[in-house]
C-alpha atoms as a PDB file:
ATOM      1  CA  MET A   1     -12.768 -27.852  36.475  1.00  0.00           C
ATOM      2  CA  GLU A   2     -15.836 -26.225  37.969  1.00  0.00           C
ATOM      3  CA  LYS A   3     -14.361 -22.772  37.351  1.00  0.00           C
ATOM      4  CA  LEU A   4     -13.613 -23.695  33.722  1.00  0.00           C
ATOM      5  CA  ALA A   5     -17.159 -24.995  33.290  1.00  0.00           C
ATOM      6  CA  ASN A   6     -18.543 -21.706  34.614  1.00  0.00           C
ATOM      7  CA  ILE A   7     -16.420 -19.741  32.154  1.00  0.00           C
ATOM      8  CA  ILE A   8     -17.560 -21.917  29.246  1.00  0.00           C
ATOM      9  CA  ALA A   9     -21.176 -21.474  30.339  1.00  0.00           C
ATOM     10  CA  LEU A  10     -20.763 -17.693  29.962  1.00  0.00           C
ATOM     11  CA  VAL A  11     -19.741 -18.012  26.296  1.00  0.00           C
ATOM     12  CA  PRO A  12     -22.803 -17.526  24.043  1.00  0.00           C
ATOM     13  CA  LYS A  13     -23.589 -20.572  21.925  1.00  0.00           C
ATOM     14  CA  LEU A  14     -23.873 -20.408  18.142  1.00  0.00           C
ATOM     15  CA  ALA A  15     -26.132 -22.789  16.254  1.00  0.00           C
ATOM     16  CA  PRO A  16     -24.490 -24.771  13.417  1.00  0.00           C
ATOM     17  CA  ASP A  17     -26.683 -22.972  10.869  1.00  0.00           C
ATOM     18  CA  ASP A  18     -26.186 -19.498  12.356  1.00  0.00           C
ATOM     19  CA  TYR A  19     -24.433 -17.976   9.349  1.00  0.00           C
ATOM     20  CA  VAL A  20     -24.590 -14.463  10.759  1.00  0.00           C
ATOM     21  CA  GLY A  21     -22.756 -15.532  13.914  1.00  0.00           C
ATOM     22  CA  PHE A  22     -20.303 -17.558  11.827  1.00  0.00           C
ATOM     23  CA  THR A  23     -19.425 -14.593   9.604  1.00  0.00           C
ATOM     24  CA  PHE A  24     -19.046 -12.345  12.663  1.00  0.00           C
ATOM     25  CA  PHE A  25     -16.506 -14.818  14.063  1.00  0.00           C
ATOM     26  CA  VAL A  26     -14.653 -15.318  10.770  1.00  0.00           C
ATOM     27  CA  GLY A  27     -14.634 -11.569  10.094  1.00  0.00           C
ATOM     28  CA  CYS A  28     -13.196 -10.903  13.541  1.00  0.00           C
ATOM     29  CA  MET A  29     -10.418 -13.462  13.124  1.00  0.00           C
ATOM     30  CA  ALA A  30      -9.594 -12.363   9.572  1.00  0.00           C
ATOM     31  CA  MET A  31      -9.275  -8.712  10.558  1.00  0.00           C
ATOM     32  CA  MET A  32      -7.199  -9.569  13.631  1.00  0.00           C
ATOM     33  CA  ALA A  33      -4.817 -11.529  11.410  1.00  0.00           C
ATOM     34  CA  ALA A  34      -4.682  -8.675   8.892  1.00  0.00           C
ATOM     35  CA  SER A  35      -3.884  -6.206  11.683  1.00  0.00           C
ATOM     36  CA  ALA A  36      -0.990  -8.327  12.897  1.00  0.00           C
ATOM     37  CA  PHE A  37       0.309  -8.617   9.330  1.00  0.00           C
ATOM     38  CA  PHE A  38       0.181  -4.867   8.677  1.00  0.00           C
ATOM     39  CA  PHE A  39       1.691  -3.876  12.027  1.00  0.00           C
ATOM     40  CA  LEU A  40       4.531  -6.400  11.799  1.00  0.00           C
ATOM     41  CA  SER A  41       5.397  -5.391   8.229  1.00  0.00           C
ATOM     42  CA  MET A  42       5.726  -1.649   8.927  1.00  0.00           C
ATOM     43  CA  ASN A  43       9.505  -1.683   9.369  1.00  0.00           C
ATOM     44  CA  SER A  44       9.941  -3.177   5.896  1.00  0.00           C
ATOM     45  CA  PHE A  45       9.090   0.125   4.203  1.00  0.00           C
ATOM     46  CA  ASP A  46      10.415   3.625   3.772  1.00  0.00           C
ATOM     47  CA  ARG A  47       9.259   6.145   6.355  1.00  0.00           C
ATOM     48  CA  LYS A  48       6.839   7.874   3.965  1.00  0.00           C
ATOM     49  CA  TRP A  49       4.852   4.622   3.595  1.00  0.00           C
ATOM     50  CA  LYS A  50       4.857   3.548   7.241  1.00  0.00           C
ATOM     51  CA  THR A  51       1.940   5.819   8.095  1.00  0.00           C
ATOM     52  CA  SER A  52      -0.169   4.300   5.317  1.00  0.00           C
ATOM     53  CA  ILE A  53       0.546   0.781   6.572  1.00  0.00           C
ATOM     54  CA  LEU A  54      -0.148   1.875  10.162  1.00  0.00           C
ATOM     55  CA  VAL A  55      -3.543   3.276   9.150  1.00  0.00           C
ATOM     56  CA  SER A  56      -4.335   0.027   7.311  1.00  0.00           C
ATOM     57  CA  GLY A  57      -3.578  -1.896  10.492  1.00  0.00           C
ATOM     58  CA  LEU A  58      -5.667   0.471  12.605  1.00  0.00           C
ATOM     59  CA  ILE A  59      -8.657   0.049  10.279  1.00  0.00           C
ATOM     60  CA  THR A  60      -8.660  -3.726  10.567  1.00  0.00           C
ATOM     61  CA  PHE A  61      -7.810  -3.679  14.294  1.00  0.00           C
ATOM     62  CA  ILE A  62     -10.689  -1.327  15.172  1.00  0.00           C
ATOM     63  CA  ALA A  63     -13.035  -3.463  13.075  1.00  0.00           C
ATOM     64  CA  ALA A  64     -11.809  -6.684  14.721  1.00  0.00           C
ATOM     65  CA  VAL A  65     -12.515  -5.320  18.217  1.00  0.00           C
ATOM     66  CA  HIS A  66     -16.003  -4.248  17.203  1.00  0.00           C
ATOM     67  CA  TYR A  67     -16.679  -7.577  15.543  1.00  0.00           C
ATOM     68  CA  TRP A  68     -15.711  -9.340  18.767  1.00  0.00           C
ATOM     69  CA  TYR A  69     -18.435  -7.420  20.579  1.00  0.00           C
ATOM     70  CA  MET A  70     -20.940  -7.696  17.724  1.00  0.00           C
ATOM     71  CA  ARG A  71     -20.513 -11.464  17.607  1.00  0.00           C
ATOM     72  CA  ASP A  72     -21.429 -11.759  21.287  1.00  0.00           C
ATOM     73  CA  TYR A  73     -24.257  -9.230  20.911  1.00  0.00           C
ATOM     74  CA  TRP A  74     -25.733 -11.258  18.070  1.00  0.00           C
ATOM     75  CA  ALA A  75     -25.366 -14.561  19.928  1.00  0.00           C
ATOM     76  CA  THR A  76     -27.064 -13.120  23.023  1.00  0.00           C
ATOM     77  CA  ASN A  77     -29.851 -11.065  21.437  1.00  0.00           C
ATOM     78  CA  MET A  78     -30.205 -12.535  17.921  1.00  0.00           C
ATOM     79  CA  GLU A  79     -30.658  -9.070  16.444  1.00  0.00           C
ATOM     80  CA  SER A  80     -28.511  -6.880  14.229  1.00  0.00           C
ATOM     81  CA  PRO A  81     -25.992  -4.842  16.289  1.00  0.00           C
ATOM     82  CA  THR A  82     -26.764  -1.587  14.459  1.00  0.00           C
ATOM     83  CA  PHE A  83     -25.238   0.710  17.089  1.00  0.00           C
ATOM     84  CA  PHE A  84     -21.918  -1.151  17.282  1.00  0.00           C
ATOM     85  CA  ARG A  85     -21.738  -1.405  13.505  1.00  0.00           C
ATOM     86  CA  TYR A  86     -22.069   2.342  13.064  1.00  0.00           C
ATOM     87  CA  VAL A  87     -19.510   3.027  15.810  1.00  0.00           C
ATOM     88  CA  ASP A  88     -17.142   0.783  13.855  1.00  0.00           C
ATOM     89  CA  TRP A  89     -17.879   2.585  10.588  1.00  0.00           C
ATOM     90  CA  ILE A  90     -17.614   6.104  12.053  1.00  0.00           C
ATOM     91  CA  LEU A  91     -14.033   5.237  13.049  1.00  0.00           C
ATOM     92  CA  THR A  92     -12.871   3.086  10.144  1.00  0.00           C
ATOM     93  CA  VAL A  93     -14.501   4.675   7.084  1.00  0.00           C
ATOM     94  CA  PRO A  94     -12.884   8.114   7.632  1.00  0.00           C
ATOM     95  CA  LEU A  95      -9.556   6.302   8.042  1.00  0.00           C
ATOM     96  CA  MET A  96     -10.150   4.599   4.697  1.00  0.00           C
ATOM     97  CA  CYS A  97     -10.676   8.065   3.224  1.00  0.00           C
ATOM     98  CA  VAL A  98      -7.394   9.188   4.820  1.00  0.00           C
ATOM     99  CA  GLU A  99      -5.639   6.478   2.800  1.00  0.00           C
ATOM    100  CA  PHE A 100      -6.467   8.362  -0.410  1.00  0.00           C
ATOM    101  CA  TYR A 101      -4.706  11.438   0.921  1.00  0.00           C
ATOM    102  CA  LEU A 102      -1.699   9.465   2.141  1.00  0.00           C
ATOM    103  CA  ILE A 103      -1.012   7.745  -1.180  1.00  0.00           C
ATOM    104  CA  LEU A 104      -1.568  10.978  -3.131  1.00  0.00           C
ATOM    105  CA  LYS A 105       0.847  13.033  -1.001  1.00  0.00           C
ATOM    106  CA  VAL A 106       3.563  12.080  -3.495  1.00  0.00           C
ATOM    107  CA  ALA A 107       1.544  14.008  -6.106  1.00  0.00           C
ATOM    108  CA  GLY A 108       1.129  17.047  -3.881  1.00  0.00           C
ATOM    109  CA  ALA A 109      -2.195  16.282  -2.188  1.00  0.00           C
ATOM    110  CA  LYS A 110      -3.100  18.859   0.459  1.00  0.00           C
ATOM    111  CA  LYS A 111      -4.768  18.243   3.800  1.00  0.00           C
ATOM    112  CA  SER A 112      -7.894  19.987   2.508  1.00  0.00           C
ATOM    113  CA  LEU A 113      -8.526  16.884   0.356  1.00  0.00           C
ATOM    114  CA  MET A 114      -8.260  14.653   3.420  1.00  0.00           C
ATOM    115  CA  TRP A 115     -10.642  16.771   5.501  1.00  0.00           C
ATOM    116  CA  LYS A 116     -13.110  17.019   2.622  1.00  0.00           C
ATOM    117  CA  LEU A 117     -13.296  13.233   2.309  1.00  0.00           C
ATOM    118  CA  ILE A 118     -13.484  12.791   6.088  1.00  0.00           C
ATOM    119  CA  LEU A 119     -16.337  15.315   6.368  1.00  0.00           C
ATOM    120  CA  LEU A 120     -18.297  13.645   3.575  1.00  0.00           C
ATOM    121  CA  SER A 121     -17.821  10.206   5.135  1.00  0.00           C
ATOM    122  CA  VAL A 122     -18.979  11.450   8.555  1.00  0.00           C
ATOM    123  CA  VAL A 123     -22.091  13.050   7.020  1.00  0.00           C
ATOM    124  CA  MET A 124     -22.781   9.818   5.131  1.00  0.00           C
ATOM    125  CA  LEU A 125     -22.536   7.706   8.283  1.00  0.00           C
ATOM    126  CA  VAL A 126     -24.242   9.995  10.804  1.00  0.00           C
ATOM    127  CA  THR A 127     -27.270  10.528   8.565  1.00  0.00           C
ATOM    128  CA  GLY A 128     -27.322   6.805   7.810  1.00  0.00           C
ATOM    129  CA  TYR A 129     -27.412   6.019  11.530  1.00  0.00           C
ATOM    130  CA  PHE A 130     -30.200   8.514  12.134  1.00  0.00           C
ATOM    131  CA  GLY A 131     -32.250   6.868   9.414  1.00  0.00           C
ATOM    132  CA  GLU A 132     -31.595   3.314  10.541  1.00  0.00           C
ATOM    133  CA  GLY A 133     -31.333   3.618  14.317  1.00  0.00           C
ATOM    134  CA  VAL A 134     -32.896   6.888  15.516  1.00  0.00           C
ATOM    135  CA  ASP A 135     -35.589   8.144  13.143  1.00  0.00           C
ATOM    136  CA  PRO A 136     -36.644   5.267  10.859  1.00  0.00           C
ATOM    137  CA  ALA A 137     -39.950   7.020  10.132  1.00  0.00           C
ATOM    138  CA  ASN A 138     -37.930   9.461   7.991  1.00  0.00           C
ATOM    139  CA  ALA A 139     -35.436   6.886   6.740  1.00  0.00           C
ATOM    140  CA  GLN A 140     -35.902   7.954   3.117  1.00  0.00           C
ATOM    141  CA  ILE A 141     -34.854  11.537   3.867  1.00  0.00           C
ATOM    142  CA  TRP A 142     -31.841  10.522   5.944  1.00  0.00           C
ATOM    143  CA  GLY A 143     -30.909   7.939   3.329  1.00  0.00           C
ATOM    144  CA  LEU A 144     -31.065  10.559   0.583  1.00  0.00           C
ATOM    145  CA  ILE A 145     -28.670  12.846   2.453  1.00  0.00           C
ATOM    146  CA  SER A 146     -26.363   9.899   3.169  1.00  0.00           C
ATOM    147  CA  GLY A 147     -26.472   8.872  -0.490  1.00  0.00           C
ATOM    148  CA  ILE A 148     -25.598  12.382  -1.674  1.00  0.00           C
ATOM    149  CA  ALA A 149     -22.523  12.381   0.594  1.00  0.00           C
ATOM    150  CA  TYR A 150     -21.538   8.942  -0.713  1.00  0.00           C
ATOM    151  CA  PHE A 151     -21.775   9.995  -4.350  1.00  0.00           C
ATOM    152  CA  ALA A 152     -19.818  13.177  -3.544  1.00  0.00           C
ATOM    153  CA  ILE A 153     -16.983  10.908  -2.334  1.00  0.00           C
ATOM    154  CA  VAL A 154     -17.300   8.801  -5.484  1.00  0.00           C
ATOM    155  CA  TYR A 155     -17.131  11.919  -7.664  1.00  0.00           C
ATOM    156  CA  GLU A 156     -14.108  13.311  -5.823  1.00  0.00           C
ATOM    157  CA  ILE A 157     -12.025  10.155  -6.169  1.00  0.00           C
ATOM    158  CA  TRP A 158     -13.148   9.194  -9.697  1.00  0.00           C
ATOM    159  CA  LEU A 159     -13.419  12.574 -11.427  1.00  0.00           C
ATOM    160  CA  GLY A 160     -12.472  15.316  -8.954  1.00  0.00           C
ATOM    161  CA  GLY A 161      -9.274  16.575  -7.415  1.00  0.00           C
ATOM    162  CA  ALA A 162      -8.154  13.187  -6.113  1.00  0.00           C
ATOM    163  CA  ALA A 163      -8.479  11.650  -9.591  1.00  0.00           C
ATOM    164  CA  LYS A 164      -6.396  14.459 -11.127  1.00  0.00           C
ATOM    165  CA  LEU A 165      -3.671  14.002  -8.519  1.00  0.00           C
ATOM    166  CA  ALA A 166      -3.598  10.260  -9.148  1.00  0.00           C
ATOM    167  CA  LYS A 167      -3.257  10.852 -12.892  1.00  0.00           C
ATOM    168  CA  SER A 168      -0.366  13.269 -12.363  1.00  0.00           C
ATOM    169  CA  ALA A 169       1.370  10.749 -10.080  1.00  0.00           C
ATOM    170  CA  GLY A 170       1.027   7.965 -12.668  1.00  0.00           C
ATOM    171  CA  GLY A 171       2.545   4.514 -12.343  1.00  0.00           C
ATOM    172  CA  SER A 172       1.825   2.359  -9.308  1.00  0.00           C
ATOM    173  CA  VAL A 173       0.187   5.229  -7.381  1.00  0.00           C
ATOM    174  CA  GLN A 174      -2.399   5.749 -10.114  1.00  0.00           C
ATOM    175  CA  SER A 175      -3.033   2.001 -10.331  1.00  0.00           C
ATOM    176  CA  ALA A 176      -3.503   1.701  -6.552  1.00  0.00           C
ATOM    177  CA  HIS A 177      -5.796   4.723  -6.536  1.00  0.00           C
ATOM    178  CA  LYS A 178      -7.956   3.201  -9.263  1.00  0.00           C
ATOM    179  CA  ILE A 179      -8.316  -0.085  -7.328  1.00  0.00           C
ATOM    180  CA  LEU A 180      -9.328   1.810  -4.184  1.00  0.00           C
ATOM    181  CA  CYS A 181     -11.869   3.727  -6.278  1.00  0.00           C
ATOM    182  CA  TRP A 182     -13.408   0.425  -7.376  1.00  0.00           C
ATOM    183  CA  PHE A 183     -13.606  -0.692  -3.743  1.00  0.00           C
ATOM    184  CA  VAL A 184     -15.588   2.456  -2.932  1.00  0.00           C
ATOM    185  CA  LEU A 185     -17.855   2.218  -5.980  1.00  0.00           C
ATOM    186  CA  VAL A 186     -18.549  -1.530  -5.905  1.00  0.00           C
ATOM    187  CA  GLY A 187     -17.517  -2.761  -2.449  1.00  0.00           C
ATOM    188  CA  TRP A 188     -19.263   0.022  -0.550  1.00  0.00           C
ATOM    189  CA  ALA A 189     -22.449  -0.427  -2.614  1.00  0.00           C
ATOM    190  CA  ILE A 190     -23.537  -3.233  -0.261  1.00  0.00           C
ATOM    191  CA  TYR A 191     -24.062  -0.707   2.538  1.00  0.00           C
ATOM    192  CA  PRO A 192     -26.864   1.390   0.961  1.00  0.00           C
ATOM    193  CA  ILE A 193     -28.522  -1.887  -0.089  1.00  0.00           C
ATOM    194  CA  GLY A 194     -28.372  -3.029   3.538  1.00  0.00           C
ATOM    195  CA  TYR A 195     -29.760   0.323   4.654  1.00  0.00           C
ATOM    196  CA  MET A 196     -32.740  -0.052   2.337  1.00  0.00           C
ATOM    197  CA  ALA A 197     -33.264  -3.641   3.471  1.00  0.00           C
ATOM    198  CA  GLY A 198     -33.449  -2.534   7.093  1.00  0.00           C
ATOM    199  CA  THR A 199     -35.578   0.623   6.838  1.00  0.00           C
ATOM    200  CA  PRO A 200     -39.081   1.427   5.555  1.00  0.00           C
ATOM    201  CA  GLY A 201     -39.583   3.271   2.275  1.00  0.00           C
ATOM    202  CA  TRP A 202     -40.539   3.047  -1.395  1.00  0.00           C
ATOM    203  CA  TYR A 203     -37.801   0.424  -1.836  1.00  0.00           C
ATOM    204  CA  GLU A 204     -39.373  -2.132   0.512  1.00  0.00           C
ATOM    205  CA  GLY A 205     -40.688  -4.171  -2.381  1.00  0.00           C
ATOM    206  CA  ILE A 206     -37.138  -4.573  -3.714  1.00  0.00           C
ATOM    207  CA  PHE A 207     -34.983  -5.069  -0.634  1.00  0.00           C
ATOM    208  CA  GLY A 208     -37.429  -5.428   2.260  1.00  0.00           C
ATOM    209  CA  GLY A 209     -37.039  -8.559   4.356  1.00  0.00           C
ATOM    210  CA  LEU A 210     -33.464  -9.319   3.301  1.00  0.00           C
ATOM    211  CA  SER A 211     -31.146 -10.323   6.136  1.00  0.00           C
ATOM    212  CA  MET A 212     -28.103  -8.205   5.372  1.00  0.00           C
ATOM    213  CA  ASP A 213     -25.815  -9.035   8.296  1.00  0.00           C
ATOM    214  CA  VAL A 214     -24.047 -11.861   6.429  1.00  0.00           C
ATOM    215  CA  PHE A 215     -23.452  -9.570   3.450  1.00  0.00           C
ATOM    216  CA  TYR A 216     -22.344  -6.708   5.721  1.00  0.00           C
ATOM    217  CA  ASN A 217     -19.851  -8.963   7.474  1.00  0.00           C
ATOM    218  CA  ILE A 218     -18.368 -10.359   4.281  1.00  0.00           C
ATOM    219  CA  ALA A 219     -18.250  -6.928   2.650  1.00  0.00           C
ATOM    220  CA  ASP A 220     -16.587  -5.373   5.721  1.00  0.00           C
ATOM    221  CA  ALA A 221     -13.815  -7.972   5.714  1.00  0.00           C
ATOM    222  CA  ILE A 222     -13.229  -7.723   1.961  1.00  0.00           C
ATOM    223  CA  ASN A 223     -13.314  -3.925   1.870  1.00  0.00           C
ATOM    224  CA  LYS A 224     -11.140  -3.265   4.908  1.00  0.00           C
ATOM    225  CA  ILE A 225      -8.583  -6.004   4.377  1.00  0.00           C
ATOM    226  CA  GLY A 226      -8.620  -5.356   0.629  1.00  0.00           C
ATOM    227  CA  PHE A 227      -7.966  -1.645   1.154  1.00  0.00           C
ATOM    228  CA  GLY A 228      -4.981  -2.503   3.322  1.00  0.00           C
ATOM    229  CA  LEU A 229      -3.570  -5.024   0.869  1.00  0.00           C
ATOM    230  CA  VAL A 230      -3.720  -2.476  -1.951  1.00  0.00           C
ATOM    231  CA  ILE A 231      -1.781  -0.018   0.206  1.00  0.00           C
ATOM    232  CA  TYR A 232       0.668  -2.762   1.196  1.00  0.00           C
ATOM    233  CA  ASN A 233       1.296  -3.693  -2.430  1.00  0.00           C
ATOM    234  CA  LEU A 234       1.846  -0.037  -3.334  1.00  0.00           C
ATOM    235  CA  ALA A 235       4.323   0.369  -0.456  1.00  0.00           C
ATOM    236  CA  VAL A 236       6.214  -2.732  -1.635  1.00  0.00           C
ATOM    237  CA  GLN A 237       6.429  -1.401  -5.197  1.00  0.00           C
ATOM    238  CA  GLN A 238       7.460   2.098  -4.152  1.00  0.00           C
ATOM    239  CA  THR A 239      10.082   0.803  -1.718  1.00  0.00           C
ATOM    240  CA  SER A 240      11.615  -1.505  -4.340  1.00  0.00           C
ATOM    241  CA  GLU A 241      11.751   1.355  -6.854  1.00  0.00           C
ATOM    242  CA  ALA A 242      13.475   3.712  -4.395  1.00  0.00           C
END
């Protein structure tokens, strides 16, 4: 009993009104459950869709592990775990970009599309981290570069080569692509808002002082699990049509 008491004493306590800690915990559990669902469902699909489902599971699994650490970091220090959050994003966001390539392979997508989206996402995240965690004095400059990379991704998937491939594929692939595009345009919009809320600049009067961790946590769970569910639904439709 004494050993159990010592273990319990090591677990950081969360206050009943600690909504940031609560959403860290819920986000962690939700993404763990999603990972199990995606991994266990892989054998239900044709080989060409297994990789897409695997990547969906990896996205939520990586996020769940990071959320486990971020929850404890928050409970111990009561400050936003910026470093861990960006480590999570630098791994999961490029994988979300890979999903576009994987579903568009049926329309002839080349690896150059995948690497283009990955490069843009890495630029977006690295410059965002520099602005938020390394050089906040120049946050506006870093944020501008990050924003340009983000809108380049938006252009590519909505109007560029990826959009043309989706249109040529038609049917369920085009529909899934369009939903993923909306996730990027609307779901990812919370991240630049959070960046502006947490860094100094001309936008302080609009977003300054907002506590964005709750919104980050909810958005992360919706975006990452939602991405995977869109891919899962596409795999189900394509497998049934085969």
